[in-house]
């Protein structure tokens, strides 16, 4: 009976999170089940973002097409990545590496985990107004290394970890 007293409020809270994410026009919570970031529930809040923030965004162009074709995510889901580049920053994808303002952000692979070819975003120059560069980090992740900068208008909010857990150990 004591376990039920602890479990019941947790289940109610979880149900409220799920219901709010399903029925509200603006997402409040987003669940990350990919390896790009720690698995768990993230709180979304609109507004200004800065380097280092995790942003959730709607993929577009070649990114959206590849994500749908290869089923990297479910239909209508968002990508979440760390911001590493802002307008005016020097961005370069030369020699199979991504660098922003001279800082190395990791290699650019030729194929994904399924062995399918990945697009190459070739660019060296200053990032234009209205775009950001967002990646996971040094490891393999489908991010700006492959599809280029993200339009700021595609960002739905800054994602802050709310309840993180590791389901891979089960």
C-alpha atoms as a PDB file:
ATOM      1  CA  UNK A   1       0.000   0.000   0.000  1.00  0.00           C
ATOM      2  CA  UNK A   2       2.875   2.388   0.786  1.00  0.00           C
ATOM      3  CA  UNK A   3       4.319   1.809  -2.697  1.00  0.00           C
ATOM      4  CA  UNK A   4       0.984   2.752  -4.228  1.00  0.00           C
ATOM      5  CA  UNK A   5       1.032   6.105  -2.408  1.00  0.00           C
ATOM      6  CA  UNK A   6       4.357   6.929  -4.054  1.00  0.00           C
ATOM      7  CA  UNK A   7       3.515   5.426  -7.434  1.00  0.00           C
ATOM      8  CA  UNK A   8       0.068   6.988  -7.865  1.00  0.00           C
ATOM      9  CA  UNK A   9       1.175  10.670  -7.851  1.00  0.00           C
ATOM     10  CA  UNK A  10       4.002   9.778 -10.242  1.00  0.00           C
ATOM     11  CA  UNK A  11       1.568   8.132 -12.643  1.00  0.00           C
ATOM     12  CA  UNK A  12      -0.784  11.124 -12.481  1.00  0.00           C
ATOM     13  CA  UNK A  13       2.134  13.459 -13.178  1.00  0.00           C
ATOM     14  CA  UNK A  14       3.293  11.333 -16.115  1.00  0.00           C
ATOM     15  CA  UNK A  15      -0.255  11.242 -17.520  1.00  0.00           C
ATOM     16  CA  UNK A  16      -0.428  15.059 -17.353  1.00  0.00           C
ATOM     17  CA  UNK A  17       2.851  15.343 -19.246  1.00  0.00           C
ATOM     18  CA  UNK A  18       1.655  12.965 -21.956  1.00  0.00           C
ATOM     19  CA  UNK A  19      -1.752  14.624 -22.294  1.00  0.00           C
ATOM     20  CA  UNK A  20      -0.266  18.115 -22.479  1.00  0.00           C
ATOM     21  CA  UNK A  21       2.182  17.020 -25.171  1.00  0.00           C
ATOM     22  CA  UNK A  22      -0.519  15.346 -27.239  1.00  0.00           C
ATOM     23  CA  UNK A  23      -3.288  17.913 -27.155  1.00  0.00           C
ATOM     24  CA  UNK A  24      -1.814  21.363 -26.663  1.00  0.00           C
ATOM     25  CA  UNK A  25      -0.966  23.386 -29.756  1.00  0.00           C
ATOM     26  CA  UNK A  26       2.429  24.389 -28.376  1.00  0.00           C
ATOM     27  CA  UNK A  27       4.530  21.531 -27.126  1.00  0.00           C
ATOM     28  CA  UNK A  28       5.556  21.833 -23.499  1.00  0.00           C
ATOM     29  CA  UNK A  29       7.399  18.544 -23.164  1.00  0.00           C
ATOM     30  CA  UNK A  30       9.301  16.466 -25.681  1.00  0.00           C
ATOM     31  CA  UNK A  31      10.573  12.932 -25.212  1.00  0.00           C
ATOM     32  CA  UNK A  32      14.013  12.039 -26.530  1.00  0.00           C
ATOM     33  CA  UNK A  33      14.552   8.359 -27.231  1.00  0.00           C
ATOM     34  CA  UNK A  34      17.523   8.749 -29.582  1.00  0.00           C
ATOM     35  CA  UNK A  35      21.218   8.513 -28.741  1.00  0.00           C
ATOM     36  CA  UNK A  36      21.821  12.145 -29.685  1.00  0.00           C
ATOM     37  CA  UNK A  37      21.134  13.342 -26.142  1.00  0.00           C
ATOM     38  CA  UNK A  38      20.424  11.652 -22.811  1.00  0.00           C
ATOM     39  CA  UNK A  39      17.131   9.784 -23.002  1.00  0.00           C
ATOM     40  CA  UNK A  40      14.271  11.349 -21.135  1.00  0.00           C
ATOM     41  CA  UNK A  41      11.732  14.143 -21.029  1.00  0.00           C
ATOM     42  CA  UNK A  42      12.750  17.699 -21.890  1.00  0.00           C
ATOM     43  CA  UNK A  43      10.868  20.888 -21.072  1.00  0.00           C
ATOM     44  CA  UNK A  44      10.435  23.163 -24.107  1.00  0.00           C
ATOM     45  CA  UNK A  45      10.292  26.904 -23.747  1.00  0.00           C
ATOM     46  CA  UNK A  46      10.194  29.434 -26.572  1.00  0.00           C
ATOM     47  CA  UNK A  47      12.395  32.453 -26.654  1.00  0.00           C
ATOM     48  CA  UNK A  48      15.986  33.415 -27.137  1.00  0.00           C
ATOM     49  CA  UNK A  49      18.680  30.807 -27.408  1.00  0.00           C
ATOM     50  CA  UNK A  50      22.447  30.953 -27.103  1.00  0.00           C
ATOM     51  CA  UNK A  51      25.448  28.807 -27.938  1.00  0.00           C
ATOM     52  CA  UNK A  52      25.459  25.595 -25.978  1.00  0.00           C
ATOM     53  CA  UNK A  53      21.663  25.491 -25.617  1.00  0.00           C
ATOM     54  CA  UNK A  54      19.801  22.420 -26.759  1.00  0.00           C
ATOM     55  CA  UNK A  55      17.154  23.380 -29.291  1.00  0.00           C
ATOM     56  CA  UNK A  56      14.285  21.363 -30.707  1.00  0.00           C
ATOM     57  CA  UNK A  57      13.542  22.070 -34.346  1.00  0.00           C
ATOM     58  CA  UNK A  58      11.604  20.868 -37.343  1.00  0.00           C
ATOM     59  CA  UNK A  59      13.938  19.381 -39.936  1.00  0.00           C
ATOM     60  CA  UNK A  60      13.497  20.701 -43.466  1.00  0.00           C
ATOM     61  CA  UNK A  61      14.854  20.089 -46.944  1.00  0.00           C
ATOM     62  CA  UNK A  62      17.228  17.185 -47.407  1.00  0.00           C
ATOM     63  CA  UNK A  63      17.291  16.499 -43.655  1.00  0.00           C
ATOM     64  CA  UNK A  64      13.510  15.990 -43.519  1.00  0.00           C
ATOM     65  CA  UNK A  65      13.590  13.762 -46.586  1.00  0.00           C
ATOM     66  CA  UNK A  66      16.372  11.515 -45.271  1.00  0.00           C
ATOM     67  CA  UNK A  67      14.862  11.319 -41.765  1.00  0.00           C
ATOM     68  CA  UNK A  68      11.547  10.206 -43.251  1.00  0.00           C
ATOM     69  CA  UNK A  69      13.029   7.760 -45.792  1.00  0.00           C
ATOM     70  CA  UNK A  70      15.361   6.114 -43.275  1.00  0.00           C
ATOM     71  CA  UNK A  71      12.946   6.351 -40.351  1.00  0.00           C
ATOM     72  CA  UNK A  72      15.504   8.029 -38.079  1.00  0.00           C
ATOM     73  CA  UNK A  73      12.491   9.567 -36.266  1.00  0.00           C
ATOM     74  CA  UNK A  74       8.745   9.078 -36.286  1.00  0.00           C
ATOM     75  CA  UNK A  75       6.590  11.290 -38.494  1.00  0.00           C
ATOM     76  CA  UNK A  76       6.198  14.814 -37.123  1.00  0.00           C
ATOM     77  CA  UNK A  77       8.912  14.445 -34.482  1.00  0.00           C
ATOM     78  CA  UNK A  78      11.620  17.001 -33.826  1.00  0.00           C
ATOM     79  CA  UNK A  79      15.383  16.919 -33.794  1.00  0.00           C
ATOM     80  CA  UNK A  80      17.230  18.166 -30.719  1.00  0.00           C
ATOM     81  CA  UNK A  81      20.825  19.371 -30.924  1.00  0.00           C
ATOM     82  CA  UNK A  82      23.302  21.707 -29.216  1.00  0.00           C
ATOM     83  CA  UNK A  83      23.886  25.095 -30.844  1.00  0.00           C
ATOM     84  CA  UNK A  84      27.529  25.607 -31.814  1.00  0.00           C
ATOM     85  CA  UNK A  85      27.317  28.340 -34.460  1.00  0.00           C
ATOM     86  CA  UNK A  86      25.530  31.685 -34.819  1.00  0.00           C
ATOM     87  CA  UNK A  87      25.295  34.261 -37.614  1.00  0.00           C
ATOM     88  CA  UNK A  88      28.697  35.755 -38.322  1.00  0.00           C
ATOM     89  CA  UNK A  89      30.608  32.708 -37.074  1.00  0.00           C
ATOM     90  CA  UNK A  90      33.157  31.118 -39.388  1.00  0.00           C
ATOM     91  CA  UNK A  91      31.913  27.635 -40.352  1.00  0.00           C
ATOM     92  CA  UNK A  92      33.854  25.127 -42.404  1.00  0.00           C
ATOM     93  CA  UNK A  93      33.282  21.505 -43.437  1.00  0.00           C
ATOM     94  CA  UNK A  94      36.694  21.057 -45.030  1.00  0.00           C
ATOM     95  CA  UNK A  95      38.801  17.863 -44.955  1.00  0.00           C
ATOM     96  CA  UNK A  96      35.967  15.746 -43.547  1.00  0.00           C
ATOM     97  CA  UNK A  97      35.698  17.812 -40.358  1.00  0.00           C
ATOM     98  CA  UNK A  98      33.320  20.477 -39.065  1.00  0.00           C
ATOM     99  CA  UNK A  99      34.890  23.525 -37.490  1.00  0.00           C
ATOM    100  CA  UNK A 100      33.244  26.634 -36.098  1.00  0.00           C
ATOM    101  CA  UNK A 101      35.519  29.620 -35.449  1.00  0.00           C
ATOM    102  CA  UNK A 102      38.473  27.233 -35.758  1.00  0.00           C
ATOM    103  CA  UNK A 103      37.183  24.800 -33.108  1.00  0.00           C
ATOM    104  CA  UNK A 104      36.962  21.193 -34.312  1.00  0.00           C
ATOM    105  CA  UNK A 105      33.533  19.621 -33.784  1.00  0.00           C
ATOM    106  CA  UNK A 106      34.298  16.203 -35.181  1.00  0.00           C
ATOM    107  CA  UNK A 107      34.477  14.182 -38.328  1.00  0.00           C
ATOM    108  CA  UNK A 108      31.961  13.896 -41.113  1.00  0.00           C
ATOM    109  CA  UNK A 109      31.171  10.294 -42.005  1.00  0.00           C
ATOM    110  CA  UNK A 110      30.428   8.951 -45.480  1.00  0.00           C
ATOM    111  CA  UNK A 111      27.740   6.457 -44.420  1.00  0.00           C
ATOM    112  CA  UNK A 112      25.228   6.073 -41.584  1.00  0.00           C
ATOM    113  CA  UNK A 113      24.939   3.066 -39.240  1.00  0.00           C
ATOM    114  CA  UNK A 114      22.876   1.260 -41.869  1.00  0.00           C
ATOM    115  CA  UNK A 115      25.673   1.706 -44.430  1.00  0.00           C
ATOM    116  CA  UNK A 116      23.641   4.197 -46.462  1.00  0.00           C
ATOM    117  CA  UNK A 117      25.450   7.226 -47.902  1.00  0.00           C
ATOM    118  CA  UNK A 118      25.131  10.485 -46.016  1.00  0.00           C
ATOM    119  CA  UNK A 119      24.862  13.864 -47.750  1.00  0.00           C
ATOM    120  CA  UNK A 120      27.851  16.164 -47.736  1.00  0.00           C
ATOM    121  CA  UNK A 121      27.323  19.783 -46.808  1.00  0.00           C
ATOM    122  CA  UNK A 122      30.285  21.601 -48.285  1.00  0.00           C
ATOM    123  CA  UNK A 123      30.813  25.111 -46.970  1.00  0.00           C
ATOM    124  CA  UNK A 124      33.542  27.423 -45.708  1.00  0.00           C
ATOM    125  CA  UNK A 125      32.525  30.959 -44.790  1.00  0.00           C
ATOM    126  CA  UNK A 126      30.502  33.130 -42.465  1.00  0.00           C
ATOM    127  CA  UNK A 127      27.114  31.925 -41.272  1.00  0.00           C
ATOM    128  CA  UNK A 128      24.282  34.104 -42.598  1.00  0.00           C
ATOM    129  CA  UNK A 129      21.689  35.914 -40.509  1.00  0.00           C
ATOM    130  CA  UNK A 130      18.695  33.691 -39.629  1.00  0.00           C
ATOM    131  CA  UNK A 131      20.711  30.444 -39.449  1.00  0.00           C
ATOM    132  CA  UNK A 132      22.457  28.432 -36.746  1.00  0.00           C
ATOM    133  CA  UNK A 133      24.669  25.352 -36.711  1.00  0.00           C
ATOM    134  CA  UNK A 134      23.554  22.628 -34.317  1.00  0.00           C
ATOM    135  CA  UNK A 135      25.207  19.280 -33.633  1.00  0.00           C
ATOM    136  CA  UNK A 136      25.304  16.515 -31.056  1.00  0.00           C
ATOM    137  CA  UNK A 137      29.019  16.613 -30.356  1.00  0.00           C
ATOM    138  CA  UNK A 138      32.051  14.669 -31.495  1.00  0.00           C
ATOM    139  CA  UNK A 139      30.238  11.352 -32.089  1.00  0.00           C
ATOM    140  CA  UNK A 140      28.130  10.252 -34.993  1.00  0.00           C
ATOM    141  CA  UNK A 141      24.819  12.048 -35.204  1.00  0.00           C
ATOM    142  CA  UNK A 142      22.708  13.247 -38.106  1.00  0.00           C
ATOM    143  CA  UNK A 143      23.223  16.984 -37.660  1.00  0.00           C
ATOM    144  CA  UNK A 144      24.433  20.175 -39.358  1.00  0.00           C
ATOM    145  CA  UNK A 145      27.576  18.374 -40.520  1.00  0.00           C
ATOM    146  CA  UNK A 146      25.383  16.655 -43.113  1.00  0.00           C
ATOM    147  CA  UNK A 147      22.483  18.972 -43.929  1.00  0.00           C
ATOM    148  CA  UNK A 148      23.978  22.370 -43.164  1.00  0.00           C
ATOM    149  CA  UNK A 149      22.736  25.262 -41.047  1.00  0.00           C
ATOM    150  CA  UNK A 150      19.236  25.296 -39.581  1.00  0.00           C
ATOM    151  CA  UNK A 151      16.831  28.144 -40.214  1.00  0.00           C
ATOM    152  CA  UNK A 152      16.166  29.905 -36.929  1.00  0.00           C
ATOM    153  CA  UNK A 153      12.455  29.972 -37.811  1.00  0.00           C
ATOM    154  CA  UNK A 154      12.392  26.143 -37.633  1.00  0.00           C
ATOM    155  CA  UNK A 155      13.350  26.163 -33.955  1.00  0.00           C
ATOM    156  CA  UNK A 156      10.354  25.459 -31.746  1.00  0.00           C
ATOM    157  CA  UNK A 157      12.115  26.061 -28.447  1.00  0.00           C
ATOM    158  CA  UNK A 158      14.997  25.563 -26.100  1.00  0.00           C
ATOM    159  CA  UNK A 159      14.962  22.074 -24.557  1.00  0.00           C
ATOM    160  CA  UNK A 160      15.925  21.772 -20.900  1.00  0.00           C
ATOM    161  CA  UNK A 161      16.326  18.328 -19.316  1.00  0.00           C
ATOM    162  CA  UNK A 162      13.344  17.677 -17.066  1.00  0.00           C
ATOM    163  CA  UNK A 163      13.461  13.966 -16.252  1.00  0.00           C
ATOM    164  CA  UNK A 164      16.367  11.957 -17.624  1.00  0.00           C
ATOM    165  CA  UNK A 165      16.768   8.201 -17.452  1.00  0.00           C
ATOM    166  CA  UNK A 166      18.689   5.485 -19.164  1.00  0.00           C
ATOM    167  CA  UNK A 167      16.502   2.816 -20.715  1.00  0.00           C
ATOM    168  CA  UNK A 168      19.437   1.134 -22.480  1.00  0.00           C
ATOM    169  CA  UNK A 169      20.479  -0.691 -19.294  1.00  0.00           C
ATOM    170  CA  UNK A 170      17.168  -2.585 -19.022  1.00  0.00           C
END
